Structure formats: structure tokens, C-alpha cells
Amino acid sequence: MVNKSTAKEVITAMKNLASRILVAYDGSELGRKALETAVRIAEQDSGVALHVLHVLEPLIVPAYNPGIVDLWERRQESAEILMAEVRELLQTLANPVTLHIENGQPGERIVHTAREQQCDLIIMGSRGLTGIKEIFLGSVSHYVAQRSECPVLIVK
């Protein structure tokens, strides 16, 4: 059990650990918790920069389908709406915030973006919107934890 003074010590330690935080955000409940955790850390020091990343996975289709372009555009629009909601949630935060929408495999893009933005902490949910798929294909959070050059805080 963590008491309030221990929680403050953890937040202080996290603040000293990170000046650039990447939050992997997919709109899931655990993604929201990861974002909330990052905000609590960032609020301790207005110099901590937040990078919020949403990754659009590639569409896998067996053959060319004329509707695929429309589907891709709708997914892109949904991602932009999701990130606009994040921007609104974070508008009162004094910290610098950058929103990213990337295309590709989530684990790879998270690790790449963290490296590219010189982040010193990644915060993400233990599971996202993929559900049971993780059991068979491997978890994005596991991939990131194994391949990241910086610490990864996995929120449950």
C-alpha cells in the first residue's frame, strides 16, 4: 500500500527522471490512465515537455479494394478527432505539448518517436484496443519495454 508521502516521493523521482515524456495514446481506458499519469508528473515542473502519440496501424487487405482509400481517410479523421480531444484536455497545462499521429506498427513507431524526440520516459497502458490479439501476436507494451532506449512506465 502506497501512502501519500510515498506517492509524492515517487512523483518527485519521476519528475527528476524525465524532462521529455512520450505518451502512447490510443483512446482506450488504459491509454487515458497513461495520459493522466503523464499529466500528474508534468504538472510538477512546467519545463517537462509532453509528446502524445497516436499510431494508425496499417490496414491488411487481401487484394485491392476501392473502398480502402475511404476507410483509410475515415481512420485518419478519427485519429485527428481523438487528438483534438487530447489537445482540449491539455489546454490548461502549462507544459509544452506536442501531438503526433504516425502510421505503422505501434511498438516500432513508439520506440522510434521516443528516440526521435529525445524522450527520456515513455508512459503507456499495459493493453490497448487490441484485446485478445495481444495473446497471439505479442503485446505492444512488451515490445516497447524490450526495445526502448529510455525507461518505460506501464500503467495498469
C-alpha atoms as a PDB file:
ATOM      1  CA  MET A   1       0.000   0.000   0.000  1.00  0.00           C
ATOM      2  CA  VAL A   2       1.326   3.413  -1.001  1.00  0.00           C
ATOM      3  CA  ASN A   3       0.668   6.322   1.335  1.00  0.00           C
ATOM      4  CA  LYS A   4       0.513   9.973   0.245  1.00  0.00           C
ATOM      5  CA  SER A   5       4.085  10.809   1.237  1.00  0.00           C
ATOM      6  CA  THR A   6       5.398   7.792  -0.691  1.00  0.00           C
ATOM      7  CA  ALA A   7       3.340   8.810  -3.726  1.00  0.00           C
ATOM      8  CA  LYS A   8       4.831  12.320  -3.567  1.00  0.00           C
ATOM      9  CA  GLU A   9       8.317  10.833  -3.386  1.00  0.00           C
ATOM     10  CA  VAL A  10       7.602   8.713  -6.462  1.00  0.00           C
ATOM     11  CA  ILE A  11       6.290  11.722  -8.394  1.00  0.00           C
ATOM     12  CA  THR A  12       9.330  13.776  -7.364  1.00  0.00           C
ATOM     13  CA  ALA A  13      11.639  10.983  -8.501  1.00  0.00           C
ATOM     14  CA  MET A  14       9.749  10.708 -11.793  1.00  0.00           C
ATOM     15  CA  LYS A  15       9.972  14.471 -12.305  1.00  0.00           C
ATOM     16  CA  ASN A  16      13.715  14.344 -11.845  1.00  0.00           C
ATOM     17  CA  LEU A  17      13.891  11.401 -14.218  1.00  0.00           C
ATOM     18  CA  ALA A  18      12.038  12.923 -17.138  1.00  0.00           C
ATOM     19  CA  SER A  19      12.130  16.207 -18.981  1.00  0.00           C
ATOM     20  CA  ARG A  20      10.529  14.867 -22.189  1.00  0.00           C
ATOM     21  CA  ILE A  21       7.723  12.331 -21.838  1.00  0.00           C
ATOM     22  CA  LEU A  22       6.160  10.358 -24.670  1.00  0.00           C
ATOM     23  CA  VAL A  23       2.632   9.116 -24.013  1.00  0.00           C
ATOM     24  CA  ALA A  24       1.318   6.361 -26.267  1.00  0.00           C
ATOM     25  CA  TYR A  25      -2.378   7.155 -26.614  1.00  0.00           C
ATOM     26  CA  ASP A  26      -5.000   5.057 -28.361  1.00  0.00           C
ATOM     27  CA  GLY A  27      -8.155   6.320 -26.686  1.00  0.00           C
ATOM     28  CA  SER A  28      -8.560   3.182 -24.536  1.00  0.00           C
ATOM     29  CA  GLU A  29      -9.187   3.331 -20.786  1.00  0.00           C
ATOM     30  CA  LEU A  30      -5.564   2.423 -20.062  1.00  0.00           C
ATOM     31  CA  GLY A  31      -4.402   4.964 -22.642  1.00  0.00           C
ATOM     32  CA  ARG A  32      -6.345   7.608 -20.741  1.00  0.00           C
ATOM     33  CA  LYS A  33      -4.783   6.480 -17.472  1.00  0.00           C
ATOM     34  CA  ALA A  34      -1.339   6.733 -19.061  1.00  0.00           C
ATOM     35  CA  LEU A  35      -2.132  10.276 -20.200  1.00  0.00           C
ATOM     36  CA  GLU A  36      -3.408  11.213 -16.729  1.00  0.00           C
ATOM     37  CA  THR A  37      -0.227   9.807 -15.171  1.00  0.00           C
ATOM     38  CA  ALA A  38       1.947  11.813 -17.554  1.00  0.00           C
ATOM     39  CA  VAL A  39      -0.018  14.974 -16.751  1.00  0.00           C
ATOM     40  CA  ARG A  40       0.419  14.425 -12.988  1.00  0.00           C
ATOM     41  CA  ILE A  41       4.176  14.111 -13.489  1.00  0.00           C
ATOM     42  CA  ALA A  42       4.384  17.065 -15.877  1.00  0.00           C
ATOM     43  CA  GLU A  43       2.382  19.326 -13.548  1.00  0.00           C
ATOM     44  CA  GLN A  44       5.239  19.130 -11.053  1.00  0.00           C
ATOM     45  CA  ASP A  45       7.513  21.070 -13.423  1.00  0.00           C
ATOM     46  CA  SER A  46       6.309  23.275 -16.290  1.00  0.00           C
ATOM     47  CA  GLY A  47       9.548  22.544 -18.134  1.00  0.00           C
ATOM     48  CA  VAL A  48       8.597  18.904 -18.712  1.00  0.00           C
ATOM     49  CA  ALA A  49       7.536  18.504 -22.351  1.00  0.00           C
ATOM     50  CA  LEU A  50       4.765  16.065 -23.263  1.00  0.00           C
ATOM     51  CA  HIS A  51       4.616  14.276 -26.594  1.00  0.00           C
ATOM     52  CA  VAL A  52       1.346  12.425 -27.143  1.00  0.00           C
ATOM     53  CA  LEU A  53       1.483   9.810 -29.894  1.00  0.00           C
ATOM     54  CA  HIS A  54      -1.361   8.006 -31.639  1.00  0.00           C
ATOM     55  CA  VAL A  55      -0.407   5.295 -34.116  1.00  0.00           C
ATOM     56  CA  LEU A  56      -2.577   4.157 -37.011  1.00  0.00           C
ATOM     57  CA  GLU A  57      -1.816   0.530 -37.779  1.00  0.00           C
ATOM     58  CA  PRO A  58      -1.607  -0.469 -41.426  1.00  0.00           C
ATOM     59  CA  LEU A  59      -4.708  -1.949 -42.967  1.00  0.00           C
ATOM     60  CA  ILE A  60      -4.294  -5.534 -44.053  1.00  0.00           C
ATOM     61  CA  VAL A  61      -6.405  -6.330 -47.097  1.00  0.00           C
ATOM     62  CA  PRO A  62      -6.039  -9.416 -49.268  1.00  0.00           C
ATOM     63  CA  ALA A  63      -6.464  -7.574 -52.574  1.00  0.00           C
ATOM     64  CA  TYR A  64      -7.049  -4.074 -53.884  1.00  0.00           C
ATOM     65  CA  ASN A  65     -10.373  -2.747 -52.742  1.00  0.00           C
ATOM     66  CA  PRO A  66     -11.627   0.644 -53.995  1.00  0.00           C
ATOM     67  CA  GLY A  67     -13.233   1.326 -50.588  1.00  0.00           C
ATOM     68  CA  ILE A  68      -9.886   1.045 -48.806  1.00  0.00           C
ATOM     69  CA  VAL A  69      -8.966   4.678 -49.525  1.00  0.00           C
ATOM     70  CA  ASP A  70     -12.242   5.846 -47.981  1.00  0.00           C
ATOM     71  CA  LEU A  71     -11.683   3.601 -44.957  1.00  0.00           C
ATOM     72  CA  TRP A  72      -8.147   4.921 -44.508  1.00  0.00           C
ATOM     73  CA  GLU A  73      -9.376   8.525 -44.722  1.00  0.00           C
ATOM     74  CA  ARG A  74     -12.056   7.827 -42.098  1.00  0.00           C
ATOM     75  CA  ARG A  75      -9.453   6.286 -39.784  1.00  0.00           C
ATOM     76  CA  GLN A  76      -7.206   9.329 -40.259  1.00  0.00           C
ATOM     77  CA  GLU A  77     -10.116  11.659 -39.489  1.00  0.00           C
ATOM     78  CA  SER A  78     -10.941   9.649 -36.347  1.00  0.00           C
ATOM     79  CA  ALA A  79      -7.316   9.923 -35.227  1.00  0.00           C
ATOM     80  CA  GLU A  80      -7.387  13.681 -35.753  1.00  0.00           C
ATOM     81  CA  ILE A  81     -10.614  13.963 -33.739  1.00  0.00           C
ATOM     82  CA  LEU A  82      -9.069  11.861 -30.947  1.00  0.00           C
ATOM     83  CA  MET A  83      -6.014  14.102 -30.824  1.00  0.00           C
ATOM     84  CA  ALA A  84      -8.165  17.248 -30.894  1.00  0.00           C
ATOM     85  CA  GLU A  85      -9.858  15.890 -27.757  1.00  0.00           C
ATOM     86  CA  VAL A  86      -6.424  15.387 -26.175  1.00  0.00           C
ATOM     87  CA  ARG A  87      -5.433  18.944 -27.128  1.00  0.00           C
ATOM     88  CA  GLU A  88      -8.593  20.220 -25.436  1.00  0.00           C
ATOM     89  CA  LEU A  89      -7.921  18.152 -22.303  1.00  0.00           C
ATOM     90  CA  LEU A  90      -4.383  19.517 -22.053  1.00  0.00           C
ATOM     91  CA  GLN A  91      -5.073  23.152 -22.957  1.00  0.00           C
ATOM     92  CA  THR A  92      -4.743  24.359 -19.355  1.00  0.00           C
ATOM     93  CA  LEU A  93      -1.463  22.504 -18.810  1.00  0.00           C
ATOM     94  CA  ALA A  94       1.439  24.955 -18.605  1.00  0.00           C
ATOM     95  CA  ASN A  95       3.842  22.436 -20.158  1.00  0.00           C
ATOM     96  CA  PRO A  96       4.824  22.281 -23.819  1.00  0.00           C
ATOM     97  CA  VAL A  97       2.640  19.679 -25.557  1.00  0.00           C
ATOM     98  CA  THR A  98       3.177  18.172 -29.000  1.00  0.00           C
ATOM     99  CA  LEU A  99       0.679  15.828 -30.625  1.00  0.00           C
ATOM    100  CA  HIS A 100       1.786  13.193 -33.137  1.00  0.00           C
ATOM    101  CA  ILE A 101      -0.180  10.908 -35.445  1.00  0.00           C
ATOM    102  CA  GLU A 102       2.019   8.241 -37.013  1.00  0.00           C
ATOM    103  CA  ASN A 103       1.339   5.404 -39.425  1.00  0.00           C
ATOM    104  CA  GLY A 104       2.885   1.984 -38.862  1.00  0.00           C
ATOM    105  CA  GLN A 105       3.320  -0.754 -36.304  1.00  0.00           C
ATOM    106  CA  PRO A 106       2.557   0.753 -32.867  1.00  0.00           C
ATOM    107  CA  GLY A 107       5.547  -0.658 -30.988  1.00  0.00           C
ATOM    108  CA  GLU A 108       8.006   0.367 -33.664  1.00  0.00           C
ATOM    109  CA  ARG A 109       6.539   3.856 -34.007  1.00  0.00           C
ATOM    110  CA  ILE A 110       6.514   4.434 -30.233  1.00  0.00           C
ATOM    111  CA  VAL A 111      10.182   3.460 -29.888  1.00  0.00           C
ATOM    112  CA  HIS A 112      11.136   5.459 -32.989  1.00  0.00           C
ATOM    113  CA  THR A 113       9.252   8.595 -31.936  1.00  0.00           C
ATOM    114  CA  ALA A 114      10.689   8.462 -28.411  1.00  0.00           C
ATOM    115  CA  ARG A 115      14.194   8.284 -29.892  1.00  0.00           C
ATOM    116  CA  GLU A 116      13.483  10.965 -32.500  1.00  0.00           C
ATOM    117  CA  GLN A 117      12.027  13.382 -29.919  1.00  0.00           C
ATOM    118  CA  GLN A 118      14.787  12.561 -27.410  1.00  0.00           C
ATOM    119  CA  CYS A 119      12.260  11.493 -24.779  1.00  0.00           C
ATOM    120  CA  ASP A 120      13.589  10.201 -21.506  1.00  0.00           C
ATOM    121  CA  LEU A 121      10.405   8.424 -20.410  1.00  0.00           C
ATOM    122  CA  ILE A 122       7.597   6.575 -22.209  1.00  0.00           C
ATOM    123  CA  ILE A 123       4.247   6.145 -20.479  1.00  0.00           C
ATOM    124  CA  MET A 124       1.710   3.727 -21.912  1.00  0.00           C
ATOM    125  CA  GLY A 125      -1.084   1.394 -20.935  1.00  0.00           C
ATOM    126  CA  SER A 126      -0.410  -2.284 -20.378  1.00  0.00           C
ATOM    127  CA  ARG A 127      -3.040  -3.087 -23.001  1.00  0.00           C
ATOM    128  CA  GLY A 128      -4.698  -1.044 -25.680  1.00  0.00           C
ATOM    129  CA  LEU A 129      -7.586  -1.524 -28.007  1.00  0.00           C
ATOM    130  CA  THR A 130      -6.222  -4.766 -29.449  1.00  0.00           C
ATOM    131  CA  GLY A 131      -7.756  -7.030 -26.793  1.00  0.00           C
ATOM    132  CA  ILE A 132      -7.226 -10.790 -27.216  1.00  0.00           C
ATOM    133  CA  LYS A 133      -4.960 -10.196 -30.211  1.00  0.00           C
ATOM    134  CA  GLU A 134      -2.142  -9.427 -27.786  1.00  0.00           C
ATOM    135  CA  ILE A 135      -2.071 -13.017 -26.539  1.00  0.00           C
ATOM    136  CA  PHE A 136      -1.335 -14.317 -30.013  1.00  0.00           C
ATOM    137  CA  LEU A 137       0.757 -11.560 -31.552  1.00  0.00           C
ATOM    138  CA  GLY A 138       2.663 -10.140 -28.589  1.00  0.00           C
ATOM    139  CA  SER A 139       1.971  -7.035 -26.593  1.00  0.00           C
ATOM    140  CA  VAL A 140       2.886  -3.554 -27.803  1.00  0.00           C
ATOM    141  CA  SER A 141       3.860  -2.615 -24.263  1.00  0.00           C
ATOM    142  CA  HIS A 142       6.158  -5.655 -24.062  1.00  0.00           C
ATOM    143  CA  TYR A 143       7.742  -4.716 -27.405  1.00  0.00           C
ATOM    144  CA  VAL A 144       8.338  -1.144 -26.258  1.00  0.00           C
ATOM    145  CA  ALA A 145       9.701  -2.197 -22.855  1.00  0.00           C
ATOM    146  CA  GLN A 146      12.179  -4.541 -24.544  1.00  0.00           C
ATOM    147  CA  ARG A 147      13.367  -2.151 -27.267  1.00  0.00           C
ATOM    148  CA  SER A 148      13.149   1.337 -25.813  1.00  0.00           C
ATOM    149  CA  GLU A 149      16.353   3.200 -25.034  1.00  0.00           C
ATOM    150  CA  CYS A 150      14.636   5.032 -22.174  1.00  0.00           C
ATOM    151  CA  PRO A 151      12.582   3.868 -19.166  1.00  0.00           C
ATOM    152  CA  VAL A 152       9.004   2.772 -19.827  1.00  0.00           C
ATOM    153  CA  LEU A 153       6.227   3.251 -17.284  1.00  0.00           C
ATOM    154  CA  ILE A 154       3.435   0.794 -17.996  1.00  0.00           C
ATOM    155  CA  VAL A 155       0.111   1.792 -16.448  1.00  0.00           C
ATOM    156  CA  LYS A 156      -2.431  -0.825 -15.370  1.00  0.00           C
END
